[in-house]
Amino acid sequence: MHLRQSTLLCALATSALLTCGSALAAYPEKAITIIVPTAPGGANDAMTRVIGQAISVSLKQSVIVENKAGANGSIATEFVARAKPDGYTLMLGYIATHAMNPALQKLRYDPVKDFEPVGMVGSSATLMVINTAVKANNAKELVALMKANPSQFSYASAGNGTAPHFAAEMFKLSTGTNMLHVPYKGSAPAVTDTIGGQTQVMFPSLFTATNYVKGGKLRPIGVAGSKRSSTMPDVPTLKEQGIDNVDVSQWYGIFAPAKTPKDVIAQLNKALNAALADPAVVKKLEDSGAEVEIMSPEQMRTYIAQEQVKWKKVVQAAKLTAD
């Protein structure tokens, strides 16, 4: 090869590298959209807006939060799985979209293969609550009331395959009680109808339930988890009240479509973790009953795979169906 040709090729290669480096360094060049798979007003929506605002400051770019409720989160999740993998379309995935729903039924997306995890946001214990007109103050009284009036109780959930659905079915299995399942398109309308008395029972996350409980609109019965919540220390766990095997911790994370460049994922993970290290962000989440948890993308991927195995076993043991 002639010296002139060699020099020209080197120059072109250098130019390409510089162009590539500049493109990566420029990310994000436009607004980032985070899709929420549930209706506005619920825990997922509120959490995403807190995180989105903090990430926006870190990345020096606008972050748009868009709700795409429907099909128990599957519409939004499939939309993001098929989106262009450029880092501009993300989603707030959670225990339902990436573990419970896939364990319950066949979906048109793979929660592991179709996504690049950005990182964990945190987790929130599940709280059993009832409409304030129900004459029970603890789990023992509620179970007795349910057994005496087996046709008078229904429970609201954020949809089939969501944590409130699983927790309620596990409660039924453990206590030998019966309740009619009324699925909604997200936790916000489910809570509204539980407050209104259209349904009597719900298992929302602490993040969803805290303000309603503190405002006297819902009565707490017990924490469906391994320990009491620091935000409601007087509310015992269901296990403390003699009800075993109802342990549902709801987790939340940020995901991007599969094949999103690793450099972009690393930058997003850094921005997310910076947001979760901000005392103001931590306080907002903790005041609402969520505990911040940080993971690398690799740790998150391993965690999701483990969660799928766990909830598939629950589906089989409880004989749950999507209907």
C-alpha atoms as a PDB file:
ATOM      1  CA  MET A   1       0.000   0.000   0.000  1.00  0.00           C
ATOM      2  CA  HIS A   2       1.297   3.451  -0.915  1.00  0.00           C
ATOM      3  CA  LEU A   3       2.120   5.903   1.847  1.00  0.00           C
ATOM      4  CA  ARG A   4      -0.508   8.346   0.565  1.00  0.00           C
ATOM      5  CA  GLN A   5      -3.257   5.683   0.592  1.00  0.00           C
ATOM      6  CA  SER A   6      -2.215   4.548   4.053  1.00  0.00           C
ATOM      7  CA  THR A   7      -2.326   8.109   5.378  1.00  0.00           C
ATOM      8  CA  LEU A   8      -5.779   8.672   3.838  1.00  0.00           C
ATOM      9  CA  LEU A   9      -7.196   5.473   5.416  1.00  0.00           C
ATOM     10  CA  CYS A  10      -5.773   6.421   8.815  1.00  0.00           C
ATOM     11  CA  ALA A  11      -7.320   9.866   8.523  1.00  0.00           C
ATOM     12  CA  LEU A  12     -10.718   8.391   7.628  1.00  0.00           C
ATOM     13  CA  ALA A  13     -10.518   5.903  10.523  1.00  0.00           C
ATOM     14  CA  THR A  14      -9.578   8.664  12.960  1.00  0.00           C
ATOM     15  CA  SER A  15     -12.437  10.812  11.694  1.00  0.00           C
ATOM     16  CA  ALA A  16     -14.913   7.945  12.166  1.00  0.00           C
ATOM     17  CA  LEU A  17     -13.719   7.333  15.709  1.00  0.00           C
ATOM     18  CA  LEU A  18     -14.001  11.006  16.561  1.00  0.00           C
ATOM     19  CA  THR A  19     -17.505  11.167  15.076  1.00  0.00           C
ATOM     20  CA  CYS A  20     -18.584   8.080  17.050  1.00  0.00           C
ATOM     21  CA  GLY A  21     -17.042   9.454  20.246  1.00  0.00           C
ATOM     22  CA  SER A  22     -18.798  12.784  19.748  1.00  0.00           C
ATOM     23  CA  ALA A  23     -22.161  11.069  19.225  1.00  0.00           C
ATOM     24  CA  LEU A  24     -21.777   9.130  22.453  1.00  0.00           C
ATOM     25  CA  ALA A  25     -20.529  12.156  24.327  1.00  0.00           C
ATOM     26  CA  ALA A  26     -23.529  14.159  23.076  1.00  0.00           C
ATOM     27  CA  TYR A  27     -26.134  11.791  24.534  1.00  0.00           C
ATOM     28  CA  PRO A  28     -28.752  12.831  25.370  1.00  0.00           C
ATOM     29  CA  GLU A  29     -29.335  15.318  22.535  1.00  0.00           C
ATOM     30  CA  LYS A  30     -33.111  15.453  23.000  1.00  0.00           C
ATOM     31  CA  ALA A  31     -35.818  14.712  25.550  1.00  0.00           C
ATOM     32  CA  ILE A  32     -35.997  11.221  27.079  1.00  0.00           C
ATOM     33  CA  THR A  33     -39.388   9.576  27.534  1.00  0.00           C
ATOM     34  CA  ILE A  34     -40.070   7.208  30.423  1.00  0.00           C
ATOM     35  CA  ILE A  35     -43.153   5.064  29.841  1.00  0.00           C
ATOM     36  CA  VAL A  36     -45.266   4.150  32.888  1.00  0.00           C
ATOM     37  CA  PRO A  37     -47.273   0.935  32.371  1.00  0.00           C
ATOM     38  CA  THR A  38     -50.134   1.999  34.655  1.00  0.00           C
ATOM     39  CA  ALA A  39     -52.664   4.818  34.940  1.00  0.00           C
ATOM     40  CA  PRO A  40     -51.734   8.248  36.354  1.00  0.00           C
ATOM     41  CA  GLY A  41     -51.961   8.697  40.109  1.00  0.00           C
ATOM     42  CA  GLY A  42     -50.599   5.365  41.298  1.00  0.00           C
ATOM     43  CA  ALA A  43     -47.286   4.423  42.878  1.00  0.00           C
ATOM     44  CA  ASN A  44     -45.557   3.757  39.562  1.00  0.00           C
ATOM     45  CA  ASP A  45     -46.574   7.130  38.173  1.00  0.00           C
ATOM     46  CA  ALA A  46     -45.558   9.077  41.294  1.00  0.00           C
ATOM     47  CA  MET A  47     -42.228   7.278  41.599  1.00  0.00           C
ATOM     48  CA  THR A  48     -41.387   7.831  37.924  1.00  0.00           C
ATOM     49  CA  ARG A  49     -42.053  11.556  38.173  1.00  0.00           C
ATOM     50  CA  VAL A  50     -39.768  11.897  41.195  1.00  0.00           C
ATOM     51  CA  ILE A  51     -36.989   9.929  39.467  1.00  0.00           C
ATOM     52  CA  GLY A  52     -37.559  11.560  36.081  1.00  0.00           C
ATOM     53  CA  GLN A  53     -37.151  15.053  37.483  1.00  0.00           C
ATOM     54  CA  ALA A  54     -33.906  14.101  39.239  1.00  0.00           C
ATOM     55  CA  ILE A  55     -32.487  12.347  36.141  1.00  0.00           C
ATOM     56  CA  SER A  56     -33.397  15.395  34.068  1.00  0.00           C
ATOM     57  CA  VAL A  57     -31.162  17.571  36.243  1.00  0.00           C
ATOM     58  CA  SER A  58     -28.296  15.063  36.106  1.00  0.00           C
ATOM     59  CA  LEU A  59     -28.442  14.590  32.314  1.00  0.00           C
ATOM     60  CA  LYS A  60     -29.239  18.258  31.602  1.00  0.00           C
ATOM     61  CA  GLN A  61     -32.097  17.198  29.353  1.00  0.00           C
ATOM     62  CA  SER A  62     -35.885  17.053  29.609  1.00  0.00           C
ATOM     63  CA  VAL A  63     -37.506  13.839  30.799  1.00  0.00           C
ATOM     64  CA  ILE A  64     -41.104  13.231  29.733  1.00  0.00           C
ATOM     65  CA  VAL A  65     -43.275  10.807  31.717  1.00  0.00           C
ATOM     66  CA  GLU A  66     -45.950   9.099  29.607  1.00  0.00           C
ATOM     67  CA  ASN A  67     -48.615   6.719  30.903  1.00  0.00           C
ATOM     68  CA  LYS A  68     -49.626   3.749  28.754  1.00  0.00           C
ATOM     69  CA  ALA A  69     -52.064   1.737  30.851  1.00  0.00           C
ATOM     70  CA  GLY A  70     -53.775  -1.405  29.616  1.00  0.00           C
ATOM     71  CA  ALA A  71     -53.516  -5.192  29.470  1.00  0.00           C
ATOM     72  CA  ASN A  72     -52.029  -5.253  32.969  1.00  0.00           C
ATOM     73  CA  GLY A  73     -48.951  -3.327  31.855  1.00  0.00           C
ATOM     74  CA  SER A  74     -48.313  -5.454  28.769  1.00  0.00           C
ATOM     75  CA  ILE A  75     -49.192  -2.707  26.260  1.00  0.00           C
ATOM     76  CA  ALA A  76     -46.535  -0.364  27.620  1.00  0.00           C
ATOM     77  CA  THR A  77     -43.970  -3.097  28.162  1.00  0.00           C
ATOM     78  CA  GLU A  78     -44.317  -4.450  24.626  1.00  0.00           C
ATOM     79  CA  PHE A  79     -44.174  -0.886  23.249  1.00  0.00           C
ATOM     80  CA  VAL A  80     -40.833  -0.262  24.960  1.00  0.00           C
ATOM     81  CA  ALA A  81     -39.491  -3.692  24.001  1.00  0.00           C
ATOM     82  CA  ARG A  82     -40.088  -2.772  20.334  1.00  0.00           C
ATOM     83  CA  ALA A  83     -38.878   0.841  20.596  1.00  0.00           C
ATOM     84  CA  LYS A  84     -35.694   2.073  18.949  1.00  0.00           C
ATOM     85  CA  PRO A  85     -32.771   1.111  21.229  1.00  0.00           C
ATOM     86  CA  ASP A  86     -31.193   4.559  21.365  1.00  0.00           C
ATOM     87  CA  GLY A  87     -31.713   5.500  25.006  1.00  0.00           C
ATOM     88  CA  TYR A  88     -34.587   7.896  24.354  1.00  0.00           C
ATOM     89  CA  THR A  89     -37.423   5.512  25.245  1.00  0.00           C
ATOM     90  CA  LEU A  90     -37.271   3.920  28.701  1.00  0.00           C
ATOM     91  CA  MET A  91     -39.806   2.431  31.060  1.00  0.00           C
ATOM     92  CA  LEU A  92     -40.542   2.086  34.728  1.00  0.00           C
ATOM     93  CA  GLY A  93     -40.786  -1.689  34.958  1.00  0.00           C
ATOM     94  CA  TYR A  94     -41.867  -3.351  38.164  1.00  0.00           C
ATOM     95  CA  ILE A  95     -42.652  -6.678  39.768  1.00  0.00           C
ATOM     96  CA  ALA A  96     -45.828  -7.138  37.688  1.00  0.00           C
ATOM     97  CA  THR A  97     -44.428  -6.379  34.215  1.00  0.00           C
ATOM     98  CA  HIS A  98     -41.122  -8.219  34.605  1.00  0.00           C
ATOM     99  CA  ALA A  99     -41.885 -11.103  36.989  1.00  0.00           C
ATOM    100  CA  MET A 100     -45.479 -11.797  38.024  1.00  0.00           C
ATOM    101  CA  ASN A 101     -47.356 -11.252  34.762  1.00  0.00           C
ATOM    102  CA  PRO A 102     -44.791 -13.258  32.730  1.00  0.00           C
ATOM    103  CA  ALA A 103     -45.057 -16.053  35.305  1.00  0.00           C
ATOM    104  CA  LEU A 104     -48.837 -16.058  34.997  1.00  0.00           C
ATOM    105  CA  GLN A 105     -49.339 -16.051  31.230  1.00  0.00           C
ATOM    106  CA  LYS A 106     -47.672 -16.135  27.831  1.00  0.00           C
ATOM    107  CA  LEU A 107     -46.836 -12.628  26.633  1.00  0.00           C
ATOM    108  CA  ARG A 108     -45.497 -11.087  23.461  1.00  0.00           C
ATOM    109  CA  TYR A 109     -42.332  -9.890  25.174  1.00  0.00           C
ATOM    110  CA  ASP A 110     -39.540 -11.533  27.146  1.00  0.00           C
ATOM    111  CA  PRO A 111     -38.764  -9.632  30.373  1.00  0.00           C
ATOM    112  CA  VAL A 112     -35.103 -10.676  30.215  1.00  0.00           C
ATOM    113  CA  LYS A 113     -34.186 -10.948  26.527  1.00  0.00           C
ATOM    114  CA  ASP A 114     -36.121  -7.908  25.276  1.00  0.00           C
ATOM    115  CA  PHE A 115     -34.698  -5.385  27.755  1.00  0.00           C
ATOM    116  CA  GLU A 116     -31.497  -3.813  28.987  1.00  0.00           C
ATOM    117  CA  PRO A 117     -31.869  -3.114  32.713  1.00  0.00           C
ATOM    118  CA  VAL A 118     -30.690   0.369  33.654  1.00  0.00           C
ATOM    119  CA  GLY A 119     -30.963  -0.173  37.391  1.00  0.00           C
ATOM    120  CA  MET A 120     -33.182  -0.648  40.415  1.00  0.00           C
ATOM    121  CA  VAL A 121     -35.102   2.260  41.937  1.00  0.00           C
ATOM    122  CA  GLY A 122     -36.336   0.646  45.123  1.00  0.00           C
ATOM    123  CA  SER A 123     -38.937  -1.540  46.740  1.00  0.00           C
ATOM    124  CA  SER A 124     -42.080  -1.135  48.792  1.00  0.00           C
ATOM    125  CA  ALA A 125     -43.819  -3.568  51.103  1.00  0.00           C
ATOM    126  CA  THR A 126     -47.402  -4.558  50.326  1.00  0.00           C
ATOM    127  CA  LEU A 127     -50.055  -3.436  52.804  1.00  0.00           C
ATOM    128  CA  MET A 128     -53.431  -5.093  53.329  1.00  0.00           C
ATOM    129  CA  VAL A 129     -56.074  -2.379  53.638  1.00  0.00           C
ATOM    130  CA  ILE A 130     -59.852  -2.376  53.906  1.00  0.00           C
ATOM    131  CA  ASN A 131     -62.704   0.046  53.386  1.00  0.00           C
ATOM    132  CA  THR A 132     -63.344   1.899  56.648  1.00  0.00           C
ATOM    133  CA  ALA A 133     -66.962   0.649  56.796  1.00  0.00           C
ATOM    134  CA  VAL A 134     -65.779  -2.950  57.245  1.00  0.00           C
ATOM    135  CA  LYS A 135     -66.106  -3.817  60.934  1.00  0.00           C
ATOM    136  CA  ALA A 136     -62.648  -5.307  61.499  1.00  0.00           C
ATOM    137  CA  ASN A 137     -59.512  -3.857  63.060  1.00  0.00           C
ATOM    138  CA  ASN A 138     -57.071  -6.689  62.552  1.00  0.00           C
ATOM    139  CA  ALA A 139     -56.511  -9.806  60.457  1.00  0.00           C
ATOM    140  CA  LYS A 140     -58.192 -12.184  62.933  1.00  0.00           C
ATOM    141  CA  GLU A 141     -61.403 -10.133  62.997  1.00  0.00           C
ATOM    142  CA  LEU A 142     -61.372  -9.756  59.216  1.00  0.00           C
ATOM    143  CA  VAL A 143     -60.922 -13.480  58.574  1.00  0.00           C
ATOM    144  CA  ALA A 144     -63.797 -14.280  60.962  1.00  0.00           C
ATOM    145  CA  LEU A 145     -66.005 -11.731  59.181  1.00  0.00           C
ATOM    146  CA  MET A 146     -65.108 -13.154  55.757  1.00  0.00           C
ATOM    147  CA  LYS A 147     -65.891 -16.716  56.827  1.00  0.00           C
ATOM    148  CA  ALA A 148     -69.219 -15.641  58.318  1.00  0.00           C
ATOM    149  CA  ASN A 149     -70.141 -13.675  55.152  1.00  0.00           C
ATOM    150  CA  PRO A 150     -68.367 -15.478  52.275  1.00  0.00           C
ATOM    151  CA  SER A 151     -70.283 -13.734  49.474  1.00  0.00           C
ATOM    152  CA  GLN A 152     -69.944 -10.158  50.709  1.00  0.00           C
ATOM    153  CA  PHE A 153     -66.256  -9.500  50.071  1.00  0.00           C
ATOM    154  CA  SER A 154     -64.405  -8.499  46.941  1.00  0.00           C
ATOM    155  CA  TYR A 155     -60.860  -7.275  46.488  1.00  0.00           C
ATOM    156  CA  ALA A 156     -59.445  -4.739  44.048  1.00  0.00           C
ATOM    157  CA  SER A 157     -56.178  -5.206  42.203  1.00  0.00           C
ATOM    158  CA  ALA A 158     -54.148  -3.196  39.721  1.00  0.00           C
ATOM    159  CA  GLY A 159     -54.843  -5.982  37.206  1.00  0.00           C
ATOM    160  CA  ASN A 160     -54.257  -9.686  36.688  1.00  0.00           C
ATOM    161  CA  GLY A 161     -50.653 -10.609  37.338  1.00  0.00           C
ATOM    162  CA  THR A 162     -49.941  -7.619  39.581  1.00  0.00           C
ATOM    163  CA  ALA A 163     -48.690  -7.674  43.164  1.00  0.00           C
ATOM    164  CA  PRO A 164     -52.111  -6.814  44.695  1.00  0.00           C
ATOM    165  CA  HIS A 165     -53.590  -9.756  42.767  1.00  0.00           C
ATOM    166  CA  PHE A 166     -50.924 -12.224  43.884  1.00  0.00           C
ATOM    167  CA  ALA A 167     -50.969 -11.033  47.508  1.00  0.00           C
ATOM    168  CA  ALA A 168     -54.746 -11.346  47.783  1.00  0.00           C
ATOM    169  CA  GLU A 169     -54.747 -14.852  46.297  1.00  0.00           C
ATOM    170  CA  MET A 170     -51.961 -15.892  48.670  1.00  0.00           C
ATOM    171  CA  PHE A 171     -54.031 -14.478  51.558  1.00  0.00           C
ATOM    172  CA  LYS A 172     -57.072 -16.473  50.449  1.00  0.00           C
ATOM    173  CA  LEU A 173     -55.000 -19.637  50.174  1.00  0.00           C
ATOM    174  CA  SER A 174     -53.406 -19.149  53.597  1.00  0.00           C
ATOM    175  CA  THR A 175     -56.637 -18.289  55.459  1.00  0.00           C
ATOM    176  CA  GLY A 176     -59.194 -20.429  53.632  1.00  0.00           C
ATOM    177  CA  THR A 177     -61.302 -17.352  52.851  1.00  0.00           C
ATOM    178  CA  ASN A 178     -63.006 -16.332  49.622  1.00  0.00           C
ATOM    179  CA  MET A 179     -63.158 -12.972  47.856  1.00  0.00           C
ATOM    180  CA  LEU A 180     -64.263 -11.941  44.377  1.00  0.00           C
ATOM    181  CA  HIS A 181     -61.386 -10.486  42.324  1.00  0.00           C
ATOM    182  CA  VAL A 182     -62.069  -7.119  40.653  1.00  0.00           C
ATOM    183  CA  PRO A 183     -59.094  -6.139  38.428  1.00  0.00           C
ATOM    184  CA  TYR A 184     -58.509  -2.501  37.436  1.00  0.00           C
ATOM    185  CA  LYS A 185     -56.177  -0.724  35.010  1.00  0.00           C
ATOM    186  CA  GLY A 186     -53.693   0.339  37.664  1.00  0.00           C
ATOM    187  CA  SER A 187     -53.602   0.897  41.406  1.00  0.00           C
ATOM    188  CA  ALA A 188     -55.116   4.410  41.379  1.00  0.00           C
ATOM    189  CA  PRO A 189     -58.649   3.410  40.256  1.00  0.00           C
ATOM    190  CA  ALA A 190     -58.448   0.264  42.408  1.00  0.00           C
ATOM    191  CA  VAL A 191     -57.722   2.335  45.518  1.00  0.00           C
ATOM    192  CA  THR A 192     -60.475   4.810  44.607  1.00  0.00           C
ATOM    193  CA  ASP A 193     -63.093   2.059  44.467  1.00  0.00           C
ATOM    194  CA  THR A 194     -61.844   0.481  47.695  1.00  0.00           C
ATOM    195  CA  ILE A 195     -62.223   3.846  49.416  1.00  0.00           C
ATOM    196  CA  GLY A 196     -65.675   4.228  47.844  1.00  0.00           C
ATOM    197  CA  GLY A 197     -66.828   0.793  48.996  1.00  0.00           C
ATOM    198  CA  GLN A 198     -67.275  -0.830  45.578  1.00  0.00           C
ATOM    199  CA  THR A 199     -64.621  -3.267  46.798  1.00  0.00           C
ATOM    200  CA  GLN A 200     -63.739  -3.969  50.412  1.00  0.00           C
ATOM    201  CA  VAL A 201     -60.126  -5.141  50.370  1.00  0.00           C
ATOM    202  CA  MET A 202     -56.886  -4.316  48.570  1.00  0.00           C
ATOM    203  CA  PHE A 203     -53.177  -5.079  48.826  1.00  0.00           C
ATOM    204  CA  PRO A 204     -51.521  -1.912  47.461  1.00  0.00           C
ATOM    205  CA  SER A 205     -47.880  -1.039  47.960  1.00  0.00           C
ATOM    206  CA  LEU A 206     -47.034   1.161  50.923  1.00  0.00           C
ATOM    207  CA  PHE A 207     -46.031   3.774  48.360  1.00  0.00           C
ATOM    208  CA  THR A 208     -49.607   3.785  47.051  1.00  0.00           C
ATOM    209  CA  ALA A 209     -51.413   3.391  50.372  1.00  0.00           C
ATOM    210  CA  THR A 210     -49.520   5.607  52.825  1.00  0.00           C
ATOM    211  CA  ASN A 211     -51.314   8.921  52.263  1.00  0.00           C
ATOM    212  CA  TYR A 212     -54.764   7.296  52.212  1.00  0.00           C
ATOM    213  CA  VAL A 213     -54.076   5.431  55.450  1.00  0.00           C
ATOM    214  CA  LYS A 214     -52.684   8.519  57.167  1.00  0.00           C
ATOM    215  CA  GLY A 215     -55.686  10.493  55.926  1.00  0.00           C
ATOM    216  CA  GLY A 216     -58.103   7.975  57.425  1.00  0.00           C
ATOM    217  CA  LYS A 217     -59.565   6.904  54.078  1.00  0.00           C
ATOM    218  CA  LEU A 218     -58.341   3.301  54.333  1.00  0.00           C
ATOM    219  CA  ARG A 219     -57.807   1.088  57.382  1.00  0.00           C
ATOM    220  CA  PRO A 220     -54.555  -0.891  57.522  1.00  0.00           C
ATOM    221  CA  ILE A 221     -54.844  -4.563  58.513  1.00  0.00           C
ATOM    222  CA  GLY A 222     -51.306  -5.850  58.146  1.00  0.00           C
ATOM    223  CA  VAL A 223     -48.044  -5.669  56.259  1.00  0.00           C
ATOM    224  CA  ALA A 224     -47.685  -8.469  53.706  1.00  0.00           C
ATOM    225  CA  GLY A 225     -43.949  -8.674  54.244  1.00  0.00           C
ATOM    226  CA  SER A 226     -41.238  -9.931  56.536  1.00  0.00           C
ATOM    227  CA  LYS A 227     -41.084  -6.852  58.765  1.00  0.00           C
ATOM    228  CA  ARG A 228     -43.046  -3.817  59.873  1.00  0.00           C
ATOM    229  CA  SER A 229     -42.677  -0.576  57.957  1.00  0.00           C
ATOM    230  CA  SER A 230     -40.814   2.332  59.524  1.00  0.00           C
ATOM    231  CA  THR A 231     -43.523   4.647  58.137  1.00  0.00           C
ATOM    232  CA  MET A 232     -46.264   2.669  59.941  1.00  0.00           C
ATOM    233  CA  PRO A 233     -44.525   1.009  62.896  1.00  0.00           C
ATOM    234  CA  ASP A 234     -47.813   0.308  64.704  1.00  0.00           C
ATOM    235  CA  VAL A 235     -49.146  -1.873  61.890  1.00  0.00           C
ATOM    236  CA  PRO A 236     -48.132  -5.517  62.480  1.00  0.00           C
ATOM    237  CA  THR A 237     -47.205  -7.937  59.722  1.00  0.00           C
ATOM    238  CA  LEU A 238     -49.722 -10.565  58.690  1.00  0.00           C
ATOM    239  CA  LYS A 239     -47.246 -13.175  59.905  1.00  0.00           C
ATOM    240  CA  GLU A 240     -47.313 -11.634  63.387  1.00  0.00           C
ATOM    241  CA  GLN A 241     -51.094 -12.144  63.258  1.00  0.00           C
ATOM    242  CA  GLY A 242     -50.780 -15.829  62.440  1.00  0.00           C
ATOM    243  CA  ILE A 243     -51.039 -15.642  58.640  1.00  0.00           C
ATOM    244  CA  ASP A 244     -48.059 -17.181  56.856  1.00  0.00           C
ATOM    245  CA  ASN A 245     -46.896 -17.179  53.228  1.00  0.00           C
ATOM    246  CA  VAL A 246     -48.176 -13.717  52.271  1.00  0.00           C
ATOM    247  CA  ASP A 247     -44.865 -11.967  51.656  1.00  0.00           C
ATOM    248  CA  VAL A 248     -44.919  -9.655  48.625  1.00  0.00           C
ATOM    249  CA  SER A 249     -42.340  -6.898  48.284  1.00  0.00           C
ATOM    250  CA  GLN A 250     -42.995  -4.739  45.235  1.00  0.00           C
ATOM    251  CA  TRP A 251     -39.896  -3.537  43.396  1.00  0.00           C
ATOM    252  CA  TYR A 252     -39.394  -0.942  40.677  1.00  0.00           C
ATOM    253  CA  GLY A 253     -36.643  -0.419  38.110  1.00  0.00           C
ATOM    254  CA  ILE A 254     -35.760   1.456  34.933  1.00  0.00           C
ATOM    255  CA  PHE A 255     -35.424  -0.499  31.688  1.00  0.00           C
ATOM    256  CA  ALA A 256     -34.380   0.246  28.096  1.00  0.00           C
ATOM    257  CA  PRO A 257     -35.017  -1.816  24.949  1.00  0.00           C
ATOM    258  CA  ALA A 258     -32.556  -4.645  24.238  1.00  0.00           C
ATOM    259  CA  LYS A 259     -29.477  -3.648  22.198  1.00  0.00           C
ATOM    260  CA  THR A 260     -29.370  -0.119  23.625  1.00  0.00           C
ATOM    261  CA  PRO A 261     -25.633   0.772  23.507  1.00  0.00           C
ATOM    262  CA  LYS A 262     -23.778  -0.179  26.682  1.00  0.00           C
ATOM    263  CA  ASP A 263     -22.275   3.326  26.905  1.00  0.00           C
ATOM    264  CA  VAL A 264     -25.773   4.806  26.989  1.00  0.00           C
ATOM    265  CA  ILE A 265     -26.933   2.277  29.620  1.00  0.00           C
ATOM    266  CA  ALA A 266     -23.859   3.113  31.722  1.00  0.00           C
ATOM    267  CA  GLN A 267     -24.629   6.829  31.465  1.00  0.00           C
ATOM    268  CA  LEU A 268     -28.274   6.277  32.412  1.00  0.00           C
ATOM    269  CA  ASN A 269     -27.283   4.037  35.333  1.00  0.00           C
ATOM    270  CA  LYS A 270     -24.915   6.721  36.587  1.00  0.00           C
ATOM    271  CA  ALA A 271     -27.659   9.363  36.356  1.00  0.00           C
ATOM    272  CA  LEU A 272     -30.194   7.082  38.081  1.00  0.00           C
ATOM    273  CA  ASN A 273     -27.824   6.240  40.911  1.00  0.00           C
ATOM    274  CA  ALA A 274     -26.966   9.926  41.331  1.00  0.00           C
ATOM    275  CA  ALA A 275     -30.687  10.648  41.665  1.00  0.00           C
ATOM    276  CA  LEU A 276     -31.057   7.896  44.268  1.00  0.00           C
ATOM    277  CA  ALA A 277     -28.145   9.349  46.231  1.00  0.00           C
ATOM    278  CA  ASP A 278     -29.869  12.740  46.455  1.00  0.00           C
ATOM    279  CA  PRO A 279     -31.225  13.130  50.030  1.00  0.00           C
ATOM    280  CA  ALA A 280     -34.273  15.047  48.747  1.00  0.00           C
ATOM    281  CA  VAL A 281     -35.193  12.213  46.360  1.00  0.00           C
ATOM    282  CA  VAL A 282     -34.591   9.569  49.032  1.00  0.00           C
ATOM    283  CA  LYS A 283     -36.823  11.450  51.481  1.00  0.00           C
ATOM    284  CA  LYS A 284     -39.677  11.756  48.972  1.00  0.00           C
ATOM    285  CA  LEU A 285     -39.558   8.022  48.278  1.00  0.00           C
ATOM    286  CA  GLU A 286     -39.109   6.952  51.903  1.00  0.00           C
ATOM    287  CA  ASP A 287     -41.877   9.262  53.169  1.00  0.00           C
ATOM    288  CA  SER A 288     -44.211   7.357  50.875  1.00  0.00           C
ATOM    289  CA  GLY A 289     -43.091   3.937  52.072  1.00  0.00           C
ATOM    290  CA  ALA A 290     -40.498   3.008  49.441  1.00  0.00           C
ATOM    291  CA  GLU A 291     -36.951   1.953  50.259  1.00  0.00           C
ATOM    292  CA  VAL A 292     -34.261   3.043  47.812  1.00  0.00           C
ATOM    293  CA  GLU A 293     -32.140   0.237  46.399  1.00  0.00           C
ATOM    294  CA  ILE A 294     -29.250   0.574  43.951  1.00  0.00           C
ATOM    295  CA  MET A 295     -28.132  -2.103  41.491  1.00  0.00           C
ATOM    296  CA  SER A 296     -25.857  -2.295  38.479  1.00  0.00           C
ATOM    297  CA  PRO A 297     -27.445  -3.370  35.170  1.00  0.00           C
ATOM    298  CA  GLU A 298     -25.824  -6.805  35.572  1.00  0.00           C
ATOM    299  CA  GLN A 299     -27.162  -7.247  39.124  1.00  0.00           C
ATOM    300  CA  MET A 300     -30.601  -6.175  37.925  1.00  0.00           C
ATOM    301  CA  ARG A 301     -30.631  -8.742  35.109  1.00  0.00           C
ATOM    302  CA  THR A 302     -29.752 -11.548  37.549  1.00  0.00           C
ATOM    303  CA  TYR A 303     -32.415 -10.348  39.985  1.00  0.00           C
ATOM    304  CA  ILE A 304     -35.143 -10.349  37.304  1.00  0.00           C
ATOM    305  CA  ALA A 305     -34.309 -13.915  36.293  1.00  0.00           C
ATOM    306  CA  GLN A 306     -34.528 -15.029  39.947  1.00  0.00           C
ATOM    307  CA  GLU A 307     -37.859 -13.264  40.418  1.00  0.00           C
ATOM    308  CA  GLN A 308     -39.344 -15.058  37.418  1.00  0.00           C
ATOM    309  CA  VAL A 309     -38.423 -18.438  38.878  1.00  0.00           C
ATOM    310  CA  LYS A 310     -39.854 -17.449  42.282  1.00  0.00           C
ATOM    311  CA  TRP A 311     -43.242 -16.309  40.992  1.00  0.00           C
ATOM    312  CA  LYS A 312     -43.670 -19.204  38.582  1.00  0.00           C
ATOM    313  CA  LYS A 313     -43.517 -21.453  41.643  1.00  0.00           C
ATOM    314  CA  VAL A 314     -46.173 -19.318  43.371  1.00  0.00           C
ATOM    315  CA  VAL A 315     -48.448 -19.509  40.308  1.00  0.00           C
ATOM    316  CA  GLN A 316     -48.170 -23.297  40.276  1.00  0.00           C
ATOM    317  CA  ALA A 317     -48.667 -23.684  44.045  1.00  0.00           C
ATOM    318  CA  ALA A 318     -51.687 -21.353  44.200  1.00  0.00           C
ATOM    319  CA  LYS A 319     -53.055 -22.558  40.841  1.00  0.00           C
ATOM    320  CA  LEU A 320     -53.437 -18.974  39.663  1.00  0.00           C
ATOM    321  CA  THR A 321     -54.732 -18.091  36.199  1.00  0.00           C
ATOM    322  CA  ALA A 322     -54.929 -14.868  34.208  1.00  0.00           C
ATOM    323  CA  ASP A 323     -58.759 -15.040  34.249  1.00  0.00           C
END
